[in-house]
Amino acid sequence: MATGNCLGALLRSMRLDRGMTQEDLGAASGMSVRSIRDLERGVSCPRISTLRLLAQTWKLSEAQGAELHRLARAERDRTGRNLKTGVYA
């Protein structure tokens, strides 16, 4: 996991708290295991649609979903990656 990657650590923690493997989350959300792994390691920055998908899959409260978005924004600002596209600015 990348240093300072709060979002990835949170995503991994949320997945594990629900007793899910990366494969389980992939099956439940329609995401690839590689995408999940990259998000958790901080290799990629999630799109807004990905954050919504995870929030729906995990049935997160509005506050929890907002926290995911806040951390993703902070990660984007720190790394210079675009939150919407996941591409470096």
PDB file of N, CA and C in Angstrom:
ATOM      1  N   MET A   1       0.847  -1.184   0.000  1.00  0.00           N
ATOM      2  CA  MET A   1       0.000   0.000   0.000  1.00  0.00           C
ATOM      3  C   MET A   1       0.880   1.229   0.000  1.00  0.00           C
ATOM      4  N   ALA A   2       0.496   2.238  -0.741  1.00  0.00           N
ATOM      5  CA  ALA A   2       1.263   3.471  -0.822  1.00  0.00           C
ATOM      6  C   ALA A   2       1.227   4.200   0.504  1.00  0.00           C
ATOM      7  N   THR A   3       2.329   4.864   0.835  1.00  0.00           N
ATOM      8  CA  THR A   3       2.407   5.629   2.067  1.00  0.00           C
ATOM      9  C   THR A   3       1.381   6.746   2.053  1.00  0.00           C
ATOM     10  N   GLY A   4       0.691   6.925   3.163  1.00  0.00           N
ATOM     11  CA  GLY A   4      -0.278   8.009   3.262  1.00  0.00           C
ATOM     12  C   GLY A   4      -1.573   7.751   2.516  1.00  0.00           C
ATOM     13  N   ASN A   5      -1.811   6.536   2.108  1.00  0.00           N
ATOM     14  CA  ASN A   5      -3.008   6.223   1.342  1.00  0.00           C
ATOM     15  C   ASN A   5      -4.163   5.909   2.282  1.00  0.00           C
ATOM     16  N   CYS A   6      -4.772   6.948   2.829  1.00  0.00           N
ATOM     17  CA  CYS A   6      -5.873   6.769   3.782  1.00  0.00           C
ATOM     18  C   CYS A   6      -7.087   6.118   3.121  1.00  0.00           C
ATOM     19  N   LEU A   7      -7.382   6.514   1.887  1.00  0.00           N
ATOM     20  CA  LEU A   7      -8.550   5.972   1.191  1.00  0.00           C
ATOM     21  C   LEU A   7      -8.395   4.474   0.976  1.00  0.00           C
ATOM     22  N   GLY A   8      -7.267   4.044   0.480  1.00  0.00           N
ATOM     23  CA  GLY A   8      -7.044   2.619   0.243  1.00  0.00           C
ATOM     24  C   GLY A   8      -7.143   1.807   1.515  1.00  0.00           C
ATOM     25  N   ALA A   9      -6.569   2.347   2.594  1.00  0.00           N
ATOM     26  CA  ALA A   9      -6.633   1.663   3.886  1.00  0.00           C
ATOM     27  C   ALA A   9      -8.077   1.563   4.367  1.00  0.00           C
ATOM     28  N   LEU A  10      -8.844   2.634   4.175  1.00  0.00           N
ATOM     29  CA  LEU A  10     -10.250   2.613   4.569  1.00  0.00           C
ATOM     30  C   LEU A  10     -11.042   1.600   3.747  1.00  0.00           C
ATOM     31  N   LEU A  11     -10.826   1.582   2.449  1.00  0.00           N
ATOM     32  CA  LEU A  11     -11.539   0.631   1.594  1.00  0.00           C
ATOM     33  C   LEU A  11     -11.230  -0.807   2.011  1.00  0.00           C
ATOM     34  N   ARG A  12      -9.963  -1.087   2.264  1.00  0.00           N
ATOM     35  CA  ARG A  12      -9.572  -2.436   2.682  1.00  0.00           C
ATOM     36  C   ARG A  12     -10.224  -2.780   4.018  1.00  0.00           C
ATOM     37  N   SER A  13     -10.186  -1.846   4.948  1.00  0.00           N
ATOM     38  CA  SER A  13     -10.783  -2.063   6.259  1.00  0.00           C
ATOM     39  C   SER A  13     -12.285  -2.319   6.155  1.00  0.00           C
ATOM     40  N   MET A  14     -12.965  -1.539   5.316  1.00  0.00           N
ATOM     41  CA  MET A  14     -14.411  -1.714   5.147  1.00  0.00           C
ATOM     42  C   MET A  14     -14.719  -3.087   4.546  1.00  0.00           C
ATOM     43  N   ARG A  15     -13.903  -3.496   3.589  1.00  0.00           N
ATOM     44  CA  ARG A  15     -14.110  -4.807   2.968  1.00  0.00           C
ATOM     45  C   ARG A  15     -13.908  -5.911   3.993  1.00  0.00           C
ATOM     46  N   LEU A  16     -12.820  -5.833   4.755  1.00  0.00           N
ATOM     47  CA  LEU A  16     -12.514  -6.859   5.738  1.00  0.00           C
ATOM     48  C   LEU A  16     -13.535  -6.880   6.871  1.00  0.00           C
ATOM     49  N   ASP A  17     -14.008  -5.690   7.281  1.00  0.00           N
ATOM     50  CA  ASP A  17     -15.033  -5.617   8.335  1.00  0.00           C
ATOM     51  C   ASP A  17     -16.303  -6.357   7.926  1.00  0.00           C
ATOM     52  N   ARG A  18     -16.541  -6.449   6.629  1.00  0.00           N
ATOM     53  CA  ARG A  18     -17.724  -7.134   6.120  1.00  0.00           C
ATOM     54  C   ARG A  18     -17.431  -8.597   5.802  1.00  0.00           C
ATOM     55  N   GLY A  19     -16.215  -9.035   6.135  1.00  0.00           N
ATOM     56  CA  GLY A  19     -15.842 -10.431   5.913  1.00  0.00           C
ATOM     57  C   GLY A  19     -15.706 -10.786   4.443  1.00  0.00           C
ATOM     58  N   MET A  20     -15.364  -9.801   3.623  1.00  0.00           N
ATOM     59  CA  MET A  20     -15.288 -10.029   2.183  1.00  0.00           C
ATOM     60  C   MET A  20     -13.842 -10.148   1.716  1.00  0.00           C
ATOM     61  N   THR A  21     -13.617 -11.058   0.795  1.00  0.00           N
ATOM     62  CA  THR A  21     -12.345 -11.094   0.080  1.00  0.00           C
ATOM     63  C   THR A  21     -12.447 -10.116  -1.084  1.00  0.00           C
ATOM     64  N   GLN A  22     -11.341  -9.860  -1.730  1.00  0.00           N
ATOM     65  CA  GLN A  22     -11.388  -9.011  -2.924  1.00  0.00           C
ATOM     66  C   GLN A  22     -12.258  -9.676  -3.993  1.00  0.00           C
ATOM     67  N   GLU A  23     -12.214 -10.977  -4.062  1.00  0.00           N
ATOM     68  CA  GLU A  23     -13.041 -11.711  -5.021  1.00  0.00           C
ATOM     69  C   GLU A  23     -14.526 -11.549  -4.701  1.00  0.00           C
ATOM     70  N   ASP A  24     -14.870 -11.615  -3.401  1.00  0.00           N
ATOM     71  CA  ASP A  24     -16.262 -11.428  -2.982  1.00  0.00           C
ATOM     72  C   ASP A  24     -16.757 -10.044  -3.376  1.00  0.00           C
ATOM     73  N   LEU A  25     -15.937  -9.022  -3.097  1.00  0.00           N
ATOM     74  CA  LEU A  25     -16.322  -7.655  -3.426  1.00  0.00           C
ATOM     75  C   LEU A  25     -16.462  -7.490  -4.933  1.00  0.00           C
ATOM     76  N   GLY A  26     -15.579  -8.108  -5.681  1.00  0.00           N
ATOM     77  CA  GLY A  26     -15.671  -8.043  -7.131  1.00  0.00           C
ATOM     78  C   GLY A  26     -16.975  -8.648  -7.638  1.00  0.00           C
ATOM     79  N   ALA A  27     -17.334  -9.798  -7.092  1.00  0.00           N
ATOM     80  CA  ALA A  27     -18.575 -10.457  -7.506  1.00  0.00           C
ATOM     81  C   ALA A  27     -19.798  -9.626  -7.122  1.00  0.00           C
ATOM     82  N   ALA A  28     -19.763  -9.021  -5.941  1.00  0.00           N
ATOM     83  CA  ALA A  28     -20.913  -8.248  -5.458  1.00  0.00           C
ATOM     84  C   ALA A  28     -21.063  -6.909  -6.176  1.00  0.00           C
ATOM     85  N   SER A  29     -19.938  -6.322  -6.590  1.00  0.00           N
ATOM     86  CA  SER A  29     -19.978  -4.980  -7.166  1.00  0.00           C
ATOM     87  C   SER A  29     -19.851  -4.948  -8.683  1.00  0.00           C
ATOM     88  N   GLY A  30     -19.317  -6.018  -9.257  1.00  0.00           N
ATOM     89  CA  GLY A  30     -19.055  -6.025 -10.689  1.00  0.00           C
ATOM     90  C   GLY A  30     -17.691  -5.445 -11.040  1.00  0.00           C
ATOM     91  N   MET A  31     -16.899  -5.120 -10.028  1.00  0.00           N
ATOM     92  CA  MET A  31     -15.552  -4.606 -10.255  1.00  0.00           C
ATOM     93  C   MET A  31     -14.576  -5.761 -10.414  1.00  0.00           C
ATOM     94  N   SER A  32     -13.482  -5.507 -11.098  1.00  0.00           N
ATOM     95  CA  SER A  32     -12.462  -6.545 -11.221  1.00  0.00           C
ATOM     96  C   SER A  32     -11.635  -6.590  -9.936  1.00  0.00           C
ATOM     97  N   VAL A  33     -11.100  -7.750  -9.641  1.00  0.00           N
ATOM     98  CA  VAL A  33     -10.241  -7.916  -8.467  1.00  0.00           C
ATOM     99  C   VAL A  33      -9.020  -7.008  -8.604  1.00  0.00           C
ATOM    100  N   ARG A  34      -8.505  -6.887  -9.793  1.00  0.00           N
ATOM    101  CA  ARG A  34      -7.343  -6.020 -10.016  1.00  0.00           C
ATOM    102  C   ARG A  34      -7.668  -4.569  -9.668  1.00  0.00           C
ATOM    103  N   SER A  35      -8.839  -4.101 -10.069  1.00  0.00           N
ATOM    104  CA  SER A  35      -9.245  -2.728  -9.737  1.00  0.00           C
ATOM    105  C   SER A  35      -9.339  -2.533  -8.232  1.00  0.00           C
ATOM    106  N   ILE A  36      -9.926  -3.496  -7.556  1.00  0.00           N
ATOM    107  CA  ILE A  36     -10.061  -3.423  -6.101  1.00  0.00           C
ATOM    108  C   ILE A  36      -8.676  -3.395  -5.453  1.00  0.00           C
ATOM    109  N   ARG A  37      -7.816  -4.284  -5.902  1.00  0.00           N
ATOM    110  CA  ARG A  37      -6.451  -4.347  -5.353  1.00  0.00           C
ATOM    111  C   ARG A  37      -5.718  -3.026  -5.581  1.00  0.00           C
ATOM    112  N   ASP A  38      -5.836  -2.463  -6.771  1.00  0.00           N
ATOM    113  CA  ASP A  38      -5.162  -1.200  -7.081  1.00  0.00           C
ATOM    114  C   ASP A  38      -5.694  -0.055  -6.225  1.00  0.00           C
ATOM    115  N   LEU A  39      -6.990  -0.035  -5.985  1.00  0.00           N
ATOM    116  CA  LEU A  39      -7.565   1.002  -5.118  1.00  0.00           C
ATOM    117  C   LEU A  39      -7.042   0.864  -3.698  1.00  0.00           C
ATOM    118  N   GLU A  40      -7.018  -0.349  -3.195  1.00  0.00           N
ATOM    119  CA  GLU A  40      -6.574  -0.579  -1.827  1.00  0.00           C
ATOM    120  C   GLU A  40      -5.092  -0.273  -1.645  1.00  0.00           C
ATOM    121  N   ARG A  41      -4.295  -0.494  -2.663  1.00  0.00           N
ATOM    122  CA  ARG A  41      -2.861  -0.224  -2.583  1.00  0.00           C
ATOM    123  C   ARG A  41      -2.525   1.229  -2.914  1.00  0.00           C
ATOM    124  N   GLY A  42      -3.513   1.992  -3.374  1.00  0.00           N
ATOM    125  CA  GLY A  42      -3.258   3.382  -3.730  1.00  0.00           C
ATOM    126  C   GLY A  42      -2.619   3.548  -5.089  1.00  0.00           C
ATOM    127  N   VAL A  43      -2.679   2.501  -5.913  1.00  0.00           N
ATOM    128  CA  VAL A  43      -2.106   2.554  -7.247  1.00  0.00           C
ATOM    129  C   VAL A  43      -3.008   3.346  -8.193  1.00  0.00           C
ATOM    130  N   SER A  44      -4.303   3.298  -7.941  1.00  0.00           N
ATOM    131  CA  SER A  44      -5.244   4.047  -8.770  1.00  0.00           C
ATOM    132  C   SER A  44      -6.142   4.904  -7.890  1.00  0.00           C
ATOM    133  N   CYS A  45      -6.669   5.939  -8.496  1.00  0.00           N
ATOM    134  CA  CYS A  45      -7.585   6.847  -7.813  1.00  0.00           C
ATOM    135  C   CYS A  45      -8.989   6.550  -8.347  1.00  0.00           C
ATOM    136  N   PRO A  46      -9.959   6.336  -7.457  1.00  0.00           N
ATOM    137  CA  PRO A  46     -11.279   5.914  -7.937  1.00  0.00           C
ATOM    138  C   PRO A  46     -12.057   7.019  -8.630  1.00  0.00           C
ATOM    139  N   ARG A  47     -12.839   6.623  -9.587  1.00  0.00           N
ATOM    140  CA  ARG A  47     -13.805   7.526 -10.206  1.00  0.00           C
ATOM    141  C   ARG A  47     -14.949   7.729  -9.213  1.00  0.00           C
ATOM    142  N   ILE A  48     -15.677   8.797  -9.389  1.00  0.00           N
ATOM    143  CA  ILE A  48     -16.839   9.060  -8.542  1.00  0.00           C
ATOM    144  C   ILE A  48     -17.835   7.916  -8.673  1.00  0.00           C
ATOM    145  N   SER A  49     -18.007   7.410  -9.876  1.00  0.00           N
ATOM    146  CA  SER A  49     -18.948   6.305 -10.089  1.00  0.00           C
ATOM    147  C   SER A  49     -18.508   5.047  -9.337  1.00  0.00           C
ATOM    148  N   THR A  50     -17.207   4.842  -9.202  1.00  0.00           N
ATOM    149  CA  THR A  50     -16.694   3.697  -8.440  1.00  0.00           C
ATOM    150  C   THR A  50     -17.006   3.853  -6.965  1.00  0.00           C
ATOM    151  N   LEU A  51     -16.841   5.080  -6.451  1.00  0.00           N
ATOM    152  CA  LEU A  51     -17.171   5.335  -5.047  1.00  0.00           C
ATOM    153  C   LEU A  51     -18.655   5.101  -4.784  1.00  0.00           C
ATOM    154  N   ARG A  52     -19.495   5.533  -5.712  1.00  0.00           N
ATOM    155  CA  ARG A  52     -20.942   5.310  -5.570  1.00  0.00           C
ATOM    156  C   ARG A  52     -21.259   3.816  -5.584  1.00  0.00           C
ATOM    157  N   LEU A  53     -20.609   3.092  -6.477  1.00  0.00           N
ATOM    158  CA  LEU A  53     -20.818   1.653  -6.588  1.00  0.00           C
ATOM    159  C   LEU A  53     -20.436   0.947  -5.285  1.00  0.00           C
ATOM    160  N   LEU A  54     -19.299   1.315  -4.717  1.00  0.00           N
ATOM    161  CA  LEU A  54     -18.882   0.718  -3.450  1.00  0.00           C
ATOM    162  C   LEU A  54     -19.857   1.075  -2.335  1.00  0.00           C
ATOM    163  N   ALA A  55     -20.288   2.326  -2.294  1.00  0.00           N
ATOM    164  CA  ALA A  55     -21.243   2.758  -1.262  1.00  0.00           C
ATOM    165  C   ALA A  55     -22.542   1.966  -1.372  1.00  0.00           C
ATOM    166  N   GLN A  56     -23.002   1.727  -2.604  1.00  0.00           N
ATOM    167  CA  GLN A  56     -24.234   0.948  -2.805  1.00  0.00           C
ATOM    168  C   GLN A  56     -24.024  -0.512  -2.437  1.00  0.00           C
ATOM    169  N   THR A  57     -22.901  -1.062  -2.849  1.00  0.00           N
ATOM    170  CA  THR A  57     -22.611  -2.471  -2.572  1.00  0.00           C
ATOM    171  C   THR A  57     -22.566  -2.728  -1.067  1.00  0.00           C
ATOM    172  N   TRP A  58     -21.947  -1.803  -0.331  1.00  0.00           N
ATOM    173  CA  TRP A  58     -21.802  -1.967   1.110  1.00  0.00           C
ATOM    174  C   TRP A  58     -22.953  -1.355   1.893  1.00  0.00           C
ATOM    175  N   LYS A  59     -23.920  -0.753   1.179  1.00  0.00           N
ATOM    176  CA  LYS A  59     -25.071  -0.114   1.840  1.00  0.00           C
ATOM    177  C   LYS A  59     -24.597   0.894   2.893  1.00  0.00           C
ATOM    178  N   LEU A  60     -23.685   1.786   2.460  1.00  0.00           N
ATOM    179  CA  LEU A  60     -23.139   2.791   3.361  1.00  0.00           C
ATOM    180  C   LEU A  60     -24.146   3.897   3.625  1.00  0.00           C
ATOM    181  N   SER A  61     -24.028   4.492   4.793  1.00  0.00           N
ATOM    182  CA  SER A  61     -24.851   5.661   5.103  1.00  0.00           C
ATOM    183  C   SER A  61     -24.364   6.834   4.255  1.00  0.00           C
ATOM    184  N   GLU A  62     -25.156   7.872   4.216  1.00  0.00           N
ATOM    185  CA  GLU A  62     -24.771   9.065   3.476  1.00  0.00           C
ATOM    186  C   GLU A  62     -23.463   9.636   4.025  1.00  0.00           C
ATOM    187  N   ALA A  63     -23.314   9.636   5.337  1.00  0.00           N
ATOM    188  CA  ALA A  63     -22.097  10.160   5.972  1.00  0.00           C
ATOM    189  C   ALA A  63     -20.873   9.323   5.598  1.00  0.00           C
ATOM    190  N   GLN A  64     -21.023   8.010   5.555  1.00  0.00           N
ATOM    191  CA  GLN A  64     -19.904   7.146   5.182  1.00  0.00           C
ATOM    192  C   GLN A  64     -19.519   7.352   3.718  1.00  0.00           C
ATOM    193  N   GLY A  65     -20.513   7.495   2.853  1.00  0.00           N
ATOM    194  CA  GLY A  65     -20.238   7.773   1.442  1.00  0.00           C
ATOM    195  C   GLY A  65     -19.533   9.108   1.270  1.00  0.00           C
ATOM    196  N   ALA A  66     -19.950  10.101   2.041  1.00  0.00           N
ATOM    197  CA  ALA A  66     -19.315  11.415   1.984  1.00  0.00           C
ATOM    198  C   ALA A  66     -17.864  11.329   2.437  1.00  0.00           C
ATOM    199  N   GLU A  67     -17.585  10.496   3.424  1.00  0.00           N
ATOM    200  CA  GLU A  67     -16.210  10.315   3.891  1.00  0.00           C
ATOM    201  C   GLU A  67     -15.342   9.686   2.808  1.00  0.00           C
ATOM    202  N   LEU A  68     -15.881   8.724   2.071  1.00  0.00           N
ATOM    203  CA  LEU A  68     -15.133   8.147   0.948  1.00  0.00           C
ATOM    204  C   LEU A  68     -14.795   9.225  -0.069  1.00  0.00           C
ATOM    205  N   HIS A  69     -15.770  10.061  -0.409  1.00  0.00           N
ATOM    206  CA  HIS A  69     -15.542  11.133  -1.375  1.00  0.00           C
ATOM    207  C   HIS A  69     -14.505  12.132  -0.854  1.00  0.00           C
ATOM    208  N   ARG A  70     -14.568  12.456   0.444  1.00  0.00           N
ATOM    209  CA  ARG A  70     -13.619  13.404   1.028  1.00  0.00           C
ATOM    210  C   ARG A  70     -12.193  12.856   0.945  1.00  0.00           C
ATOM    211  N   LEU A  71     -12.027  11.590   1.300  1.00  0.00           N
ATOM    212  CA  LEU A  71     -10.698  10.989   1.245  1.00  0.00           C
ATOM    213  C   LEU A  71     -10.194  10.869  -0.188  1.00  0.00           C
ATOM    214  N   ALA A  72     -11.090  10.569  -1.126  1.00  0.00           N
ATOM    215  CA  ALA A  72     -10.694  10.485  -2.535  1.00  0.00           C
ATOM    216  C   ALA A  72     -10.242  11.850  -3.033  1.00  0.00           C
ATOM    217  N   ARG A  73     -10.960  12.904  -2.645  1.00  0.00           N
ATOM    218  CA  ARG A  73     -10.568  14.271  -3.028  1.00  0.00           C
ATOM    219  C   ARG A  73      -9.196  14.614  -2.456  1.00  0.00           C
ATOM    220  N   ALA A  74      -8.971  14.266  -1.195  1.00  0.00           N
ATOM    221  CA  ALA A  74      -7.686  14.537  -0.551  1.00  0.00           C
ATOM    222  C   ALA A  74      -6.566  13.767  -1.242  1.00  0.00           C
ATOM    223  N   GLU A  75      -6.837  12.529  -1.615  1.00  0.00           N
ATOM    224  CA  GLU A  75      -5.851  11.710  -2.325  1.00  0.00           C
ATOM    225  C   GLU A  75      -5.535  12.326  -3.681  1.00  0.00           C
ATOM    226  N   ARG A  76      -6.557  12.792  -4.375  1.00  0.00           N
ATOM    227  CA  ARG A  76      -6.365  13.431  -5.676  1.00  0.00           C
ATOM    228  C   ARG A  76      -5.510  14.680  -5.518  1.00  0.00           C
ATOM    229  N   ASP A  77      -5.817  15.491  -4.523  1.00  0.00           N
ATOM    230  CA  ASP A  77      -5.058  16.715  -4.299  1.00  0.00           C
ATOM    231  C   ASP A  77      -3.604  16.411  -3.959  1.00  0.00           C
ATOM    232  N   ARG A  78      -3.385  15.344  -3.177  1.00  0.00           N
ATOM    233  CA  ARG A  78      -2.035  14.965  -2.762  1.00  0.00           C
ATOM    234  C   ARG A  78      -1.217  14.426  -3.928  1.00  0.00           C
ATOM    235  N   THR A  79      -1.838  13.650  -4.794  1.00  0.00           N
ATOM    236  CA  THR A  79      -1.101  12.974  -5.858  1.00  0.00           C
ATOM    237  C   THR A  79      -1.177  13.683  -7.204  1.00  0.00           C
ATOM    238  N   GLY A  80      -2.134  14.587  -7.355  1.00  0.00           N
ATOM    239  CA  GLY A  80      -2.304  15.263  -8.643  1.00  0.00           C
ATOM    240  C   GLY A  80      -3.099  14.459  -9.648  1.00  0.00           C
ATOM    241  N   ARG A  81      -3.749  13.366  -9.188  1.00  0.00           N
ATOM    242  CA  ARG A  81      -4.577  12.566 -10.095  1.00  0.00           C
ATOM    243  C   ARG A  81      -5.981  13.121 -10.117  1.00  0.00           C
ATOM    244  N   ASN A  82      -6.627  13.003 -11.257  1.00  0.00           N
ATOM    245  CA  ASN A  82      -7.986  13.478 -11.416  1.00  0.00           C
ATOM    246  C   ASN A  82      -8.949  12.459 -10.836  1.00  0.00           C
ATOM    247  N   LEU A  83      -9.801  12.902  -9.899  1.00  0.00           N
ATOM    248  CA  LEU A  83     -10.748  12.000  -9.247  1.00  0.00           C
ATOM    249  C   LEU A  83     -11.706  11.363 -10.242  1.00  0.00           C
ATOM    250  N   LYS A  84     -12.152  12.132 -11.207  1.00  0.00           N
ATOM    251  CA  LYS A  84     -13.149  11.617 -12.149  1.00  0.00           C
ATOM    252  C   LYS A  84     -12.545  10.567 -13.086  1.00  0.00           C
ATOM    253  N   THR A  85     -11.337  10.829 -13.589  1.00  0.00           N
ATOM    254  CA  THR A  85     -10.768   9.924 -14.575  1.00  0.00           C
ATOM    255  C   THR A  85      -9.708   8.999 -14.014  1.00  0.00           C
ATOM    256  N   GLY A  86      -9.139   9.365 -12.826  1.00  0.00           N
ATOM    257  CA  GLY A  86      -8.055   8.563 -12.277  1.00  0.00           C
ATOM    258  C   GLY A  86      -6.736   8.818 -12.967  1.00  0.00           C
ATOM    259  N   VAL A  87      -6.668   9.849 -13.824  1.00  0.00           N
ATOM    260  CA  VAL A  87      -5.466  10.141 -14.600  1.00  0.00           C
ATOM    261  C   VAL A  87      -4.747  11.323 -13.956  1.00  0.00           C
ATOM    262  N   TYR A  88      -3.420  11.299 -14.032  1.00  0.00           N
ATOM    263  CA  TYR A  88      -2.640  12.413 -13.497  1.00  0.00           C
ATOM    264  C   TYR A  88      -2.944  13.676 -14.271  1.00  0.00           C
ATOM    265  N   ALA A  89      -3.016  14.798 -13.540  1.00  0.00           N
ATOM    266  CA  ALA A  89      -3.290  16.104 -14.157  1.00  0.00           C
ATOM    267  C   ALA A  89      -2.053  16.622 -14.862  1.00  0.00           C
TER     268      ALA A  89
END
